[in-house]
């Protein structure tokens, strides 16, 4: 999957919207820390989620 292909742009747009409006606020609501610490911890969850989602997309949905 190329970075600027149509499928890649749609995939990352949907994943980014879901992450920004659902996952990140949920993770931050579980913590009562300072904002920089919350952002660092949240990022540690979101980046691996993107990597796993991309691998699953390539394995199951994009057939060459």
PDB file of N, CA and C in Angstrom:
ATOM      1  N   UNK A   1       0.852  -1.175   0.000  1.00  0.00           N
ATOM      2  CA  UNK A   1       0.000   0.000   0.000  1.00  0.00           C
ATOM      3  C   UNK A   1       0.891   1.229   0.000  1.00  0.00           C
ATOM      4  N   UNK A   2       0.726   2.053  -0.993  1.00  0.00           N
ATOM      5  CA  UNK A   2       1.525   3.267  -1.087  1.00  0.00           C
ATOM      6  C   UNK A   2       0.946   4.333  -0.163  1.00  0.00           C
ATOM      7  N   UNK A   3       1.808   5.209   0.322  1.00  0.00           N
ATOM      8  CA  UNK A   3       1.409   6.202   1.313  1.00  0.00           C
ATOM      9  C   UNK A   3       0.337   7.159   0.791  1.00  0.00           C
ATOM     10  N   UNK A   4       0.434   7.577  -0.460  1.00  0.00           N
ATOM     11  CA  UNK A   4      -0.507   8.553  -0.997  1.00  0.00           C
ATOM     12  C   UNK A   4      -1.511   7.934  -1.963  1.00  0.00           C
ATOM     13  N   UNK A   5      -1.738   6.639  -1.853  1.00  0.00           N
ATOM     14  CA  UNK A   5      -2.746   6.010  -2.693  1.00  0.00           C
ATOM     15  C   UNK A   5      -4.134   6.337  -2.141  1.00  0.00           C
ATOM     16  N   UNK A   6      -5.133   6.116  -2.953  1.00  0.00           N
ATOM     17  CA  UNK A   6      -6.516   6.408  -2.553  1.00  0.00           C
ATOM     18  C   UNK A   6      -6.920   5.586  -1.330  1.00  0.00           C
ATOM     19  N   UNK A   7      -6.581   4.300  -1.324  1.00  0.00           N
ATOM     20  CA  UNK A   7      -6.923   3.438  -0.202  1.00  0.00           C
ATOM     21  C   UNK A   7      -6.229   3.879   1.088  1.00  0.00           C
ATOM     22  N   UNK A   8      -4.966   4.266   0.980  1.00  0.00           N
ATOM     23  CA  UNK A   8      -4.203   4.686   2.144  1.00  0.00           C
ATOM     24  C   UNK A   8      -4.776   5.969   2.745  1.00  0.00           C
ATOM     25  N   UNK A   9      -5.113   6.919   1.915  1.00  0.00           N
ATOM     26  CA  UNK A   9      -5.656   8.185   2.406  1.00  0.00           C
ATOM     27  C   UNK A   9      -7.003   7.962   3.096  1.00  0.00           C
ATOM     28  N   UNK A  10      -7.859   7.137   2.501  1.00  0.00           N
ATOM     29  CA  UNK A  10      -9.162   6.846   3.112  1.00  0.00           C
ATOM     30  C   UNK A  10      -8.974   6.102   4.430  1.00  0.00           C
ATOM     31  N   UNK A  11      -8.098   5.100   4.423  1.00  0.00           N
ATOM     32  CA  UNK A  11      -7.857   4.298   5.625  1.00  0.00           C
ATOM     33  C   UNK A  11      -7.363   5.160   6.781  1.00  0.00           C
ATOM     34  N   UNK A  12      -6.339   5.974   6.542  1.00  0.00           N
ATOM     35  CA  UNK A  12      -5.789   6.781   7.614  1.00  0.00           C
ATOM     36  C   UNK A  12      -6.724   7.908   8.027  1.00  0.00           C
ATOM     37  N   UNK A  13      -7.563   8.386   7.136  1.00  0.00           N
ATOM     38  CA  UNK A  13      -8.548   9.400   7.506  1.00  0.00           C
ATOM     39  C   UNK A  13      -9.588   8.824   8.454  1.00  0.00           C
ATOM     40  N   UNK A  14     -10.095   7.652   8.127  1.00  0.00           N
ATOM     41  CA  UNK A  14     -11.084   7.000   8.993  1.00  0.00           C
ATOM     42  C   UNK A  14     -10.460   6.619  10.336  1.00  0.00           C
ATOM     43  N   UNK A  15      -9.279   6.040  10.295  1.00  0.00           N
ATOM     44  CA  UNK A  15      -8.601   5.646  11.526  1.00  0.00           C
ATOM     45  C   UNK A  15      -8.269   6.864  12.386  1.00  0.00           C
ATOM     46  N   UNK A  16      -7.844   7.936  11.767  1.00  0.00           N
ATOM     47  CA  UNK A  16      -7.527   9.162  12.507  1.00  0.00           C
ATOM     48  C   UNK A  16      -8.750   9.781  13.155  1.00  0.00           C
ATOM     49  N   UNK A  17      -9.868   9.810  12.440  1.00  0.00           N
ATOM     50  CA  UNK A  17     -11.102  10.350  13.004  1.00  0.00           C
ATOM     51  C   UNK A  17     -11.571   9.499  14.180  1.00  0.00           C
ATOM     52  N   UNK A  18     -11.542   8.181  14.016  1.00  0.00           N
ATOM     53  CA  UNK A  18     -11.944   7.279  15.095  1.00  0.00           C
ATOM     54  C   UNK A  18     -11.037   7.461  16.308  1.00  0.00           C
ATOM     55  N   UNK A  19      -9.750   7.558  16.072  1.00  0.00           N
ATOM     56  CA  UNK A  19      -8.794   7.735  17.156  1.00  0.00           C
ATOM     57  C   UNK A  19      -8.999   9.062  17.861  1.00  0.00           C
ATOM     58  N   UNK A  20      -9.161  10.120  17.084  1.00  0.00           N
ATOM     59  CA  UNK A  20      -9.279  11.455  17.659  1.00  0.00           C
ATOM     60  C   UNK A  20     -10.552  11.688  18.443  1.00  0.00           C
ATOM     61  N   UNK A  21     -11.638  11.068  18.019  1.00  0.00           N
ATOM     62  CA  UNK A  21     -12.920  11.322  18.662  1.00  0.00           C
ATOM     63  C   UNK A  21     -13.369  10.232  19.631  1.00  0.00           C
ATOM     64  N   UNK A  22     -12.769   9.051  19.576  1.00  0.00           N
ATOM     65  CA  UNK A  22     -13.217   7.951  20.442  1.00  0.00           C
ATOM     66  C   UNK A  22     -12.091   7.445  21.347  1.00  0.00           C
ATOM     67  N   UNK A  23     -11.007   6.973  20.747  1.00  0.00           N
ATOM     68  CA  UNK A  23      -9.949   6.308  21.516  1.00  0.00           C
ATOM     69  C   UNK A  23      -9.189   7.277  22.435  1.00  0.00           C
ATOM     70  N   UNK A  24      -8.671   8.365  21.878  1.00  0.00           N
ATOM     71  CA  UNK A  24      -7.851   9.285  22.673  1.00  0.00           C
ATOM     72  C   UNK A  24      -8.626   9.908  23.834  1.00  0.00           C
ATOM     73  N   UNK A  25      -9.839  10.420  23.627  1.00  0.00           N
ATOM     74  CA  UNK A  25     -10.568  10.963  24.789  1.00  0.00           C
ATOM     75  C   UNK A  25     -10.869   9.901  25.856  1.00  0.00           C
ATOM     76  N   UNK A  26     -11.136   8.666  25.422  1.00  0.00           N
ATOM     77  CA  UNK A  26     -11.399   7.596  26.389  1.00  0.00           C
ATOM     78  C   UNK A  26     -10.159   7.309  27.239  1.00  0.00           C
ATOM     79  N   UNK A  27      -9.008   7.192  26.592  1.00  0.00           N
ATOM     80  CA  UNK A  27      -7.768   6.919  27.330  1.00  0.00           C
ATOM     81  C   UNK A  27      -7.462   8.064  28.289  1.00  0.00           C
ATOM     82  N   UNK A  28      -7.620   9.300  27.813  1.00  0.00           N
ATOM     83  CA  UNK A  28      -7.319  10.460  28.660  1.00  0.00           C
ATOM     84  C   UNK A  28      -8.303  10.593  29.810  1.00  0.00           C
ATOM     85  N   UNK A  29      -9.543  10.133  29.619  1.00  0.00           N
ATOM     86  CA  UNK A  29     -10.519  10.223  30.709  1.00  0.00           C
ATOM     87  C   UNK A  29     -10.196   9.251  31.837  1.00  0.00           C
ATOM     88  N   UNK A  30      -9.454   8.195  31.541  1.00  0.00           N
ATOM     89  CA  UNK A  30      -9.083   7.228  32.573  1.00  0.00           C
ATOM     90  C   UNK A  30      -7.951   7.725  33.463  1.00  0.00           C
ATOM     91  N   UNK A  31      -7.238   8.758  33.018  1.00  0.00           N
ATOM     92  CA  UNK A  31      -6.082   9.251  33.755  1.00  0.00           C
ATOM     93  C   UNK A  31      -6.387  10.608  34.373  1.00  0.00           C
ATOM     94  N   UNK A  32      -5.767  10.883  35.492  1.00  0.00           N
ATOM     95  CA  UNK A  32      -5.890  12.197  36.121  1.00  0.00           C
ATOM     96  C   UNK A  32      -4.487  12.750  36.351  1.00  0.00           C
ATOM     97  N   UNK A  33      -3.768  12.931  35.249  1.00  0.00           N
ATOM     98  CA  UNK A  33      -2.394  13.397  35.297  1.00  0.00           C
ATOM     99  C   UNK A  33      -2.285  14.745  34.589  1.00  0.00           C
ATOM    100  N   UNK A  34      -1.094  15.283  34.529  1.00  0.00           N
ATOM    101  CA  UNK A  34      -0.893  16.531  33.796  1.00  0.00           C
ATOM    102  C   UNK A  34      -1.049  16.276  32.293  1.00  0.00           C
ATOM    103  N   UNK A  35      -1.401  17.301  31.563  1.00  0.00           N
ATOM    104  CA  UNK A  35      -1.673  17.168  30.128  1.00  0.00           C
ATOM    105  C   UNK A  35      -0.498  16.597  29.341  1.00  0.00           C
ATOM    106  N   UNK A  36       0.752  17.061  29.540  1.00  0.00           N
ATOM    107  CA  UNK A  36       1.856  16.465  28.768  1.00  0.00           C
ATOM    108  C   UNK A  36       2.037  14.969  29.023  1.00  0.00           C
ATOM    109  N   UNK A  37       1.888  14.553  30.270  1.00  0.00           N
ATOM    110  CA  UNK A  37       2.013  13.127  30.602  1.00  0.00           C
ATOM    111  C   UNK A  37       0.884  12.333  29.948  1.00  0.00           C
ATOM    112  N   UNK A  38      -0.343  12.867  29.986  1.00  0.00           N
ATOM    113  CA  UNK A  38      -1.472  12.187  29.354  1.00  0.00           C
ATOM    114  C   UNK A  38      -1.250  12.041  27.854  1.00  0.00           C
ATOM    115  N   UNK A  39      -0.728  13.073  27.200  1.00  0.00           N
ATOM    116  CA  UNK A  39      -0.477  13.012  25.759  1.00  0.00           C
ATOM    117  C   UNK A  39       0.589  11.980  25.421  1.00  0.00           C
ATOM    118  N   UNK A  40       1.628  11.892  26.221  1.00  0.00           N
ATOM    119  CA  UNK A  40       2.685  10.905  25.982  1.00  0.00           C
ATOM    120  C   UNK A  40       2.136   9.488  26.134  1.00  0.00           C
ATOM    121  N   UNK A  41       1.380   9.242  27.195  1.00  0.00           N
ATOM    122  CA  UNK A  41       0.819   7.906  27.426  1.00  0.00           C
ATOM    123  C   UNK A  41      -0.176   7.552  26.325  1.00  0.00           C
ATOM    124  N   UNK A  42      -1.040   8.491  25.951  1.00  0.00           N
ATOM    125  CA  UNK A  42      -2.018   8.244  24.894  1.00  0.00           C
ATOM    126  C   UNK A  42      -1.319   7.925  23.575  1.00  0.00           C
ATOM    127  N   UNK A  43      -0.254   8.645  23.257  1.00  0.00           N
ATOM    128  CA  UNK A  43       0.491   8.397  22.032  1.00  0.00           C
ATOM    129  C   UNK A  43       1.116   7.004  22.037  1.00  0.00           C
ATOM    130  N   UNK A  44       1.537   6.544  23.197  1.00  0.00           N
ATOM    131  CA  UNK A  44       2.114   5.197  23.299  1.00  0.00           C
ATOM    132  C   UNK A  44       1.090   4.109  22.982  1.00  0.00           C
ATOM    133  N   UNK A  45      -0.190   4.397  23.116  1.00  0.00           N
ATOM    134  CA  UNK A  45      -1.235   3.447  22.737  1.00  0.00           C
ATOM    135  C   UNK A  45      -1.619   3.599  21.273  1.00  0.00           C
ATOM    136  N   UNK A  46      -1.666   4.823  20.784  1.00  0.00           N
ATOM    137  CA  UNK A  46      -2.195   5.091  19.442  1.00  0.00           C
ATOM    138  C   UNK A  46      -1.232   4.659  18.348  1.00  0.00           C
ATOM    139  N   UNK A  47       0.046   4.912  18.475  1.00  0.00           N
ATOM    140  CA  UNK A  47       1.002   4.547  17.423  1.00  0.00           C
ATOM    141  C   UNK A  47       1.027   3.041  17.178  1.00  0.00           C
ATOM    142  N   UNK A  48       1.126   2.191  18.215  1.00  0.00           N
ATOM    143  CA  UNK A  48       1.062   0.745  17.942  1.00  0.00           C
ATOM    144  C   UNK A  48      -0.279   0.316  17.337  1.00  0.00           C
ATOM    145  N   UNK A  49      -1.372   0.997  17.719  1.00  0.00           N
ATOM    146  CA  UNK A  49      -2.672   0.675  17.146  1.00  0.00           C
ATOM    147  C   UNK A  49      -2.664   0.922  15.640  1.00  0.00           C
ATOM    148  N   UNK A  50      -2.038   1.998  15.187  1.00  0.00           N
ATOM    149  CA  UNK A  50      -1.936   2.284  13.755  1.00  0.00           C
ATOM    150  C   UNK A  50      -1.127   1.201  13.042  1.00  0.00           C
ATOM    151  N   UNK A  51      -0.038   0.764  13.653  1.00  0.00           N
ATOM    152  CA  UNK A  51       0.815  -0.259  13.039  1.00  0.00           C
ATOM    153  C   UNK A  51       0.043  -1.570  12.899  1.00  0.00           C
ATOM    154  N   UNK A  52      -0.669  -1.958  13.943  1.00  0.00           N
ATOM    155  CA  UNK A  52      -1.457  -3.198  13.897  1.00  0.00           C
ATOM    156  C   UNK A  52      -2.580  -3.090  12.880  1.00  0.00           C
ATOM    157  N   UNK A  53      -3.261  -1.958  12.847  1.00  0.00           N
ATOM    158  CA  UNK A  53      -4.358  -1.773  11.892  1.00  0.00           C
ATOM    159  C   UNK A  53      -3.849  -1.830  10.456  1.00  0.00           C
ATOM    160  N   UNK A  54      -2.684  -1.260  10.196  1.00  0.00           N
ATOM    161  CA  UNK A  54      -2.127  -1.300   8.845  1.00  0.00           C
ATOM    162  C   UNK A  54      -1.772  -2.726   8.440  1.00  0.00           C
ATOM    163  N   UNK A  55      -1.176  -3.483   9.366  1.00  0.00           N
ATOM    164  CA  UNK A  55      -0.836  -4.876   9.057  1.00  0.00           C
ATOM    165  C   UNK A  55      -2.088  -5.694   8.769  1.00  0.00           C
ATOM    166  N   UNK A  56      -3.145  -5.489   9.552  1.00  0.00           N
ATOM    167  CA  UNK A  56      -4.390  -6.212   9.321  1.00  0.00           C
ATOM    168  C   UNK A  56      -5.019  -5.823   7.990  1.00  0.00           C
ATOM    169  N   UNK A  57      -4.965  -4.532   7.668  1.00  0.00           N
ATOM    170  CA  UNK A  57      -5.505  -4.067   6.392  1.00  0.00           C
ATOM    171  C   UNK A  57      -4.766  -4.713   5.234  1.00  0.00           C
ATOM    172  N   UNK A  58      -3.455  -4.715   5.298  1.00  0.00           N
ATOM    173  CA  UNK A  58      -2.672  -5.303   4.218  1.00  0.00           C
ATOM    174  C   UNK A  58      -2.893  -6.806   4.108  1.00  0.00           C
ATOM    175  N   UNK A  59      -3.057  -7.472   5.242  1.00  0.00           N
ATOM    176  CA  UNK A  59      -3.187  -8.929   5.230  1.00  0.00           C
ATOM    177  C   UNK A  59      -4.562  -9.387   4.757  1.00  0.00           C
ATOM    178  N   UNK A  60      -5.617  -8.724   5.200  1.00  0.00           N
ATOM    179  CA  UNK A  60      -6.962  -9.226   4.962  1.00  0.00           C
ATOM    180  C   UNK A  60      -7.769  -8.475   3.898  1.00  0.00           C
ATOM    181  N   UNK A  61      -7.443  -7.210   3.656  1.00  0.00           N
ATOM    182  CA  UNK A  61      -8.303  -6.430   2.765  1.00  0.00           C
ATOM    183  C   UNK A  61      -7.669  -6.032   1.445  1.00  0.00           C
ATOM    184  N   UNK A  62      -6.359  -5.897   1.398  1.00  0.00           N
ATOM    185  CA  UNK A  62      -5.679  -5.503   0.161  1.00  0.00           C
ATOM    186  C   UNK A  62      -5.056  -6.756  -0.441  1.00  0.00           C
ATOM    187  N   UNK A  63      -5.610  -7.193  -1.532  1.00  0.00           N
ATOM    188  CA  UNK A  63      -5.080  -8.366  -2.229  1.00  0.00           C
ATOM    189  C   UNK A  63      -4.359  -7.890  -3.481  1.00  0.00           C
ATOM    190  N   UNK A  64      -3.135  -8.362  -3.656  1.00  0.00           N
ATOM    191  CA  UNK A  64      -2.371  -7.987  -4.854  1.00  0.00           C
ATOM    192  C   UNK A  64      -2.563  -9.009  -5.942  1.00  0.00           C
TER     193      UNK A  64
END
